[in-house]
N, C-alpha and C. Protein backbone atom coordinates (compact mmCIF):
# COMPACT_ATOMS: atom_id res chain seq x y z
N MET A 1 27.53 12.88 38.56
CA MET A 1 27.95 12.53 37.24
C MET A 1 26.65 12.23 36.38
N THR A 2 26.63 12.77 35.23
CA THR A 2 25.49 12.60 34.30
C THR A 2 25.78 11.45 33.29
N VAL A 3 24.91 10.61 33.09
CA VAL A 3 25.08 9.52 32.13
C VAL A 3 24.17 9.86 30.93
N GLN A 4 24.74 9.91 29.79
CA GLN A 4 24.02 10.18 28.54
C GLN A 4 23.65 8.86 27.82
N GLN A 5 22.37 8.76 27.43
CA GLN A 5 21.99 7.53 26.73
C GLN A 5 22.10 7.81 25.26
N GLU A 6 22.58 6.79 24.53
CA GLU A 6 22.61 6.96 23.01
C GLU A 6 21.19 6.92 22.49
N ALA A 7 20.87 7.69 21.55
CA ALA A 7 19.68 7.71 20.82
C ALA A 7 19.51 6.45 20.02
N PRO A 8 18.32 5.84 20.00
CA PRO A 8 18.18 4.65 19.16
C PRO A 8 18.51 4.92 17.69
N THR A 9 19.12 3.98 17.05
CA THR A 9 19.36 4.18 15.59
C THR A 9 18.29 3.52 14.63
N GLU A 10 17.35 2.75 15.21
CA GLU A 10 16.36 2.11 14.43
C GLU A 10 14.99 2.69 14.72
N GLY A 11 14.07 2.68 13.70
CA GLY A 11 12.76 3.09 13.92
C GLY A 11 12.04 2.41 15.03
N VAL A 12 11.33 3.22 15.91
CA VAL A 12 10.73 2.61 17.08
C VAL A 12 9.31 3.19 17.10
N THR A 13 8.46 2.47 17.80
CA THR A 13 7.13 2.96 18.10
C THR A 13 7.19 3.95 19.34
N GLY A 14 6.06 4.46 19.63
CA GLY A 14 5.98 5.41 20.73
C GLY A 14 6.48 4.73 22.12
N THR A 15 6.42 3.38 22.10
CA THR A 15 6.88 2.71 23.33
C THR A 15 8.34 2.23 23.18
N GLY A 16 9.03 2.54 22.15
CA GLY A 16 10.41 2.28 22.02
C GLY A 16 10.71 0.97 21.35
N GLU A 17 9.67 0.35 20.68
CA GLU A 17 9.89 -0.97 20.13
C GLU A 17 10.45 -0.83 18.74
N PRO A 18 11.44 -1.66 18.38
CA PRO A 18 12.06 -1.57 17.00
C PRO A 18 10.98 -1.94 15.97
N LEU A 19 11.11 -1.39 14.77
CA LEU A 19 10.23 -1.67 13.64
C LEU A 19 11.01 -2.21 12.49
N GLU A 20 10.33 -2.97 11.66
CA GLU A 20 10.84 -3.45 10.41
C GLU A 20 9.90 -3.22 9.27
N VAL A 21 10.32 -3.26 8.05
CA VAL A 21 9.48 -2.98 6.91
C VAL A 21 9.67 -4.04 5.79
N TRP A 22 8.55 -4.42 5.17
CA TRP A 22 8.67 -5.36 4.01
C TRP A 22 7.64 -4.90 2.97
N ILE A 23 7.89 -5.43 1.78
CA ILE A 23 7.00 -5.12 0.67
C ILE A 23 6.42 -6.43 0.07
N ASP A 24 5.12 -6.41 -0.18
CA ASP A 24 4.48 -7.52 -0.88
C ASP A 24 4.57 -7.26 -2.35
N GLN A 25 5.52 -7.90 -3.05
CA GLN A 25 5.71 -7.69 -4.46
C GLN A 25 4.45 -8.04 -5.34
N ASP A 26 3.69 -8.96 -4.85
CA ASP A 26 2.46 -9.29 -5.61
C ASP A 26 1.49 -8.21 -5.72
N LEU A 27 1.60 -7.12 -4.79
CA LEU A 27 0.72 -6.03 -4.85
C LEU A 27 1.36 -4.76 -5.45
N CYS A 28 2.74 -4.78 -5.49
CA CYS A 28 3.43 -3.56 -5.91
C CYS A 28 3.11 -3.18 -7.36
N THR A 29 2.86 -1.92 -7.55
CA THR A 29 2.45 -1.40 -8.85
C THR A 29 3.74 -0.78 -9.50
N GLY A 30 4.84 -0.72 -8.85
CA GLY A 30 6.02 -0.20 -9.48
C GLY A 30 6.05 1.31 -9.74
N ASP A 31 5.27 2.11 -8.97
CA ASP A 31 5.22 3.52 -9.10
C ASP A 31 6.44 4.21 -8.56
N GLY A 32 7.13 3.57 -7.61
CA GLY A 32 8.42 4.09 -7.18
C GLY A 32 8.32 5.19 -6.11
N ILE A 33 7.10 5.38 -5.57
CA ILE A 33 6.96 6.46 -4.58
C ILE A 33 7.72 6.17 -3.37
N CYS A 34 7.79 4.88 -3.00
CA CYS A 34 8.61 4.49 -1.85
C CYS A 34 10.04 4.87 -1.95
N ALA A 35 10.59 4.60 -3.13
CA ALA A 35 12.02 4.92 -3.45
C ALA A 35 12.22 6.50 -3.46
N GLN A 36 11.24 7.21 -3.81
CA GLN A 36 11.40 8.64 -3.76
C GLN A 36 11.40 9.18 -2.38
N TYR A 37 10.50 8.64 -1.55
CA TYR A 37 10.48 9.04 -0.09
C TYR A 37 11.65 8.56 0.75
N ALA A 38 12.12 7.36 0.49
CA ALA A 38 13.16 6.76 1.34
C ALA A 38 14.10 5.88 0.50
N PRO A 39 14.93 6.44 -0.37
CA PRO A 39 15.76 5.66 -1.20
C PRO A 39 16.83 4.88 -0.48
N GLU A 40 17.04 5.22 0.82
CA GLU A 40 17.94 4.46 1.65
C GLU A 40 17.36 3.02 2.09
N VAL A 41 15.97 3.00 1.98
CA VAL A 41 15.32 1.79 2.41
C VAL A 41 14.66 1.04 1.27
N PHE A 42 14.26 1.69 0.17
CA PHE A 42 13.52 1.09 -0.92
C PHE A 42 14.27 1.32 -2.23
N GLU A 43 14.02 0.35 -3.14
CA GLU A 43 14.71 0.55 -4.48
C GLU A 43 13.88 -0.28 -5.44
N LEU A 44 13.67 0.24 -6.71
CA LEU A 44 13.08 -0.52 -7.75
C LEU A 44 14.15 -1.43 -8.42
N ASP A 45 13.78 -2.61 -8.66
CA ASP A 45 14.71 -3.47 -9.35
C ASP A 45 14.44 -3.56 -10.84
N ILE A 46 15.18 -4.31 -11.56
CA ILE A 46 15.00 -4.35 -13.07
C ILE A 46 13.64 -4.93 -13.47
N ASP A 47 12.95 -5.62 -12.56
CA ASP A 47 11.70 -6.15 -12.82
C ASP A 47 10.55 -5.12 -12.66
N GLY A 48 10.98 -3.96 -12.24
CA GLY A 48 10.04 -2.79 -12.06
C GLY A 48 9.35 -2.78 -10.76
N LEU A 49 9.71 -3.67 -9.86
CA LEU A 49 9.01 -3.75 -8.54
C LEU A 49 9.94 -3.24 -7.42
N ALA A 50 9.31 -2.77 -6.40
CA ALA A 50 10.10 -2.28 -5.27
C ALA A 50 10.47 -3.32 -4.32
N TYR A 51 11.70 -3.25 -3.70
CA TYR A 51 12.21 -4.09 -2.65
C TYR A 51 12.83 -3.25 -1.56
N VAL A 52 12.93 -3.87 -0.41
CA VAL A 52 13.67 -3.17 0.77
C VAL A 52 15.12 -3.46 0.60
N LYS A 53 15.93 -2.63 1.25
CA LYS A 53 17.38 -2.85 1.24
C LYS A 53 17.89 -3.08 2.65
N SER A 54 18.97 -3.77 2.76
CA SER A 54 19.55 -4.03 4.07
C SER A 54 20.27 -2.80 4.47
N ALA A 55 20.77 -2.79 5.76
CA ALA A 55 21.58 -1.66 6.32
C ALA A 55 22.81 -1.51 5.49
N ASP A 56 23.31 -2.56 4.78
CA ASP A 56 24.49 -2.45 3.90
C ASP A 56 24.20 -2.13 2.50
N ASP A 57 22.88 -1.66 2.27
CA ASP A 57 22.59 -1.23 0.94
C ASP A 57 22.37 -2.35 -0.03
N GLU A 58 22.16 -3.58 0.38
CA GLU A 58 21.95 -4.74 -0.43
C GLU A 58 20.47 -4.89 -0.64
N LEU A 59 20.08 -5.03 -1.95
CA LEU A 59 18.66 -5.26 -2.35
C LEU A 59 18.24 -6.68 -1.88
N LEU A 60 17.19 -6.75 -1.02
CA LEU A 60 16.66 -7.97 -0.49
C LEU A 60 15.50 -8.44 -1.37
N GLN A 61 15.77 -9.43 -2.14
CA GLN A 61 14.75 -9.84 -3.18
C GLN A 61 13.94 -11.10 -2.78
N SER A 62 14.24 -11.75 -1.68
CA SER A 62 13.46 -12.85 -1.18
C SER A 62 12.02 -12.40 -0.84
N PRO A 63 11.05 -13.25 -1.18
CA PRO A 63 9.61 -12.84 -0.81
C PRO A 63 9.56 -12.68 0.69
N GLY A 64 9.00 -11.56 1.10
CA GLY A 64 8.73 -11.36 2.54
C GLY A 64 10.00 -10.83 3.26
N ALA A 65 11.11 -10.51 2.49
CA ALA A 65 12.33 -10.06 3.19
C ALA A 65 12.05 -8.69 3.93
N THR A 66 12.59 -8.58 5.17
CA THR A 66 12.44 -7.39 5.95
C THR A 66 13.71 -6.73 6.26
N THR A 67 13.63 -5.42 6.55
CA THR A 67 14.75 -4.67 6.98
C THR A 67 14.29 -3.78 8.13
N ARG A 68 15.26 -3.53 9.01
CA ARG A 68 14.91 -2.58 10.17
C ARG A 68 14.70 -1.19 9.60
N VAL A 69 13.87 -0.42 10.27
CA VAL A 69 13.54 0.95 9.89
C VAL A 69 14.51 1.83 10.62
N PRO A 70 15.44 2.56 9.92
CA PRO A 70 16.27 3.47 10.63
C PRO A 70 15.46 4.64 11.28
N LEU A 71 15.77 4.95 12.50
CA LEU A 71 14.98 5.97 13.17
C LEU A 71 14.95 7.31 12.38
N PRO A 72 16.04 7.84 11.80
CA PRO A 72 15.97 9.07 11.01
C PRO A 72 15.04 9.04 9.81
N LEU A 73 14.71 7.83 9.37
CA LEU A 73 13.90 7.68 8.13
C LEU A 73 12.48 7.21 8.50
N LEU A 74 12.14 7.02 9.78
CA LEU A 74 10.89 6.52 10.18
C LEU A 74 9.71 7.33 9.47
N SER A 75 9.69 8.54 9.49
CA SER A 75 8.56 9.37 8.92
C SER A 75 8.51 9.14 7.39
N ASP A 76 9.71 9.03 6.78
CA ASP A 76 9.73 8.79 5.34
C ASP A 76 9.13 7.36 4.92
N VAL A 77 9.46 6.44 5.78
CA VAL A 77 9.03 5.04 5.56
C VAL A 77 7.44 5.01 5.80
N VAL A 78 6.97 5.63 6.89
CA VAL A 78 5.59 5.72 7.13
C VAL A 78 4.82 6.40 6.04
N ASP A 79 5.38 7.49 5.54
CA ASP A 79 4.73 8.21 4.42
C ASP A 79 4.72 7.32 3.21
N SER A 80 5.68 6.55 2.94
CA SER A 80 5.74 5.66 1.84
C SER A 80 4.65 4.68 1.96
N ALA A 81 4.43 4.12 3.16
CA ALA A 81 3.32 3.12 3.35
C ALA A 81 1.94 3.80 3.15
N LYS A 82 1.82 5.02 3.59
CA LYS A 82 0.56 5.76 3.44
C LYS A 82 0.22 6.17 2.03
N GLU A 83 1.27 6.46 1.22
CA GLU A 83 1.02 6.92 -0.11
C GLU A 83 1.09 5.87 -1.15
N CYS A 84 1.54 4.69 -0.82
CA CYS A 84 1.74 3.60 -1.78
C CYS A 84 0.37 3.26 -2.52
N PRO A 85 0.31 3.39 -3.80
CA PRO A 85 -0.97 3.11 -4.49
C PRO A 85 -1.24 1.59 -4.55
N GLY A 86 -0.32 0.77 -4.32
CA GLY A 86 -0.49 -0.70 -4.31
C GLY A 86 -0.81 -1.27 -2.88
N ASP A 87 -0.75 -0.39 -1.89
CA ASP A 87 -1.00 -0.84 -0.49
C ASP A 87 -0.07 -2.07 -0.18
N CYS A 88 1.08 -1.94 -0.55
CA CYS A 88 2.02 -3.18 -0.44
C CYS A 88 3.14 -3.02 0.64
N ILE A 89 3.21 -1.86 1.30
CA ILE A 89 4.25 -1.62 2.30
C ILE A 89 3.74 -1.83 3.61
N HIS A 90 4.46 -2.71 4.35
CA HIS A 90 4.03 -3.12 5.71
C HIS A 90 5.11 -2.78 6.75
N VAL A 91 4.73 -2.01 7.72
CA VAL A 91 5.71 -1.61 8.82
C VAL A 91 5.09 -2.29 10.07
N ARG A 92 5.95 -3.10 10.70
CA ARG A 92 5.50 -3.87 11.93
C ARG A 92 6.56 -3.86 12.99
N ARG A 93 5.97 -4.09 14.21
CA ARG A 93 6.92 -4.24 15.38
C ARG A 93 7.71 -5.53 15.21
N VAL A 94 9.00 -5.53 15.58
CA VAL A 94 9.84 -6.66 15.47
C VAL A 94 9.36 -7.77 16.54
N ALA A 95 9.12 -7.29 17.74
CA ALA A 95 8.88 -8.21 18.87
C ALA A 95 7.67 -9.17 18.62
N ASP A 96 6.54 -8.60 18.16
CA ASP A 96 5.32 -9.44 18.04
C ASP A 96 4.76 -9.48 16.61
N GLN A 97 5.46 -8.82 15.63
CA GLN A 97 5.08 -8.87 14.23
C GLN A 97 3.72 -8.19 13.96
N VAL A 98 3.26 -7.32 14.83
CA VAL A 98 2.03 -6.61 14.63
C VAL A 98 2.32 -5.42 13.72
N GLU A 99 1.53 -5.35 12.67
CA GLU A 99 1.62 -4.25 11.73
C GLU A 99 1.12 -2.88 12.39
N VAL A 100 1.98 -1.90 12.33
CA VAL A 100 1.63 -0.63 12.87
C VAL A 100 1.30 0.46 11.83
N TYR A 101 1.80 0.22 10.59
CA TYR A 101 1.61 1.13 9.44
C TYR A 101 1.45 0.25 8.23
N GLY A 102 0.51 0.53 7.38
CA GLY A 102 0.34 -0.23 6.12
C GLY A 102 -1.12 -0.72 5.99
N PRO A 103 -1.46 -1.51 5.02
CA PRO A 103 -2.77 -1.95 4.75
C PRO A 103 -3.39 -2.89 5.86
N ASP A 104 -2.61 -3.56 6.60
CA ASP A 104 -3.06 -4.49 7.67
C ASP A 104 -2.94 -3.87 9.05
N ALA A 105 -2.66 -2.52 9.14
CA ALA A 105 -2.46 -1.94 10.48
C ALA A 105 -3.83 -1.94 11.19
N GLU A 106 -3.78 -2.17 12.55
CA GLU A 106 -5.01 -2.24 13.38
C GLU A 106 -5.36 -0.79 13.76
């Protein structure tokens, strides 16, 4: 009998660790590139700044609010972090909070 494993639904690193993303609104320039790349994860609010959204599509406006990176959107979220003119998008491992994509990535 063969057992099939379910594919992970959240973004993971090469070692299978879950990832989360957050935006530093103090550095956000409001260009909206992130919302163009991954509108399921990012959205501009009426203040002109970008925020992350929950899995339920709720805009998370608290400073430092994070959301898990859905696996199908991982490359879009990473591209958003790379292309962001404000260098304000941070993608980090959930387990140890180490940034893997973004301005503080090692």
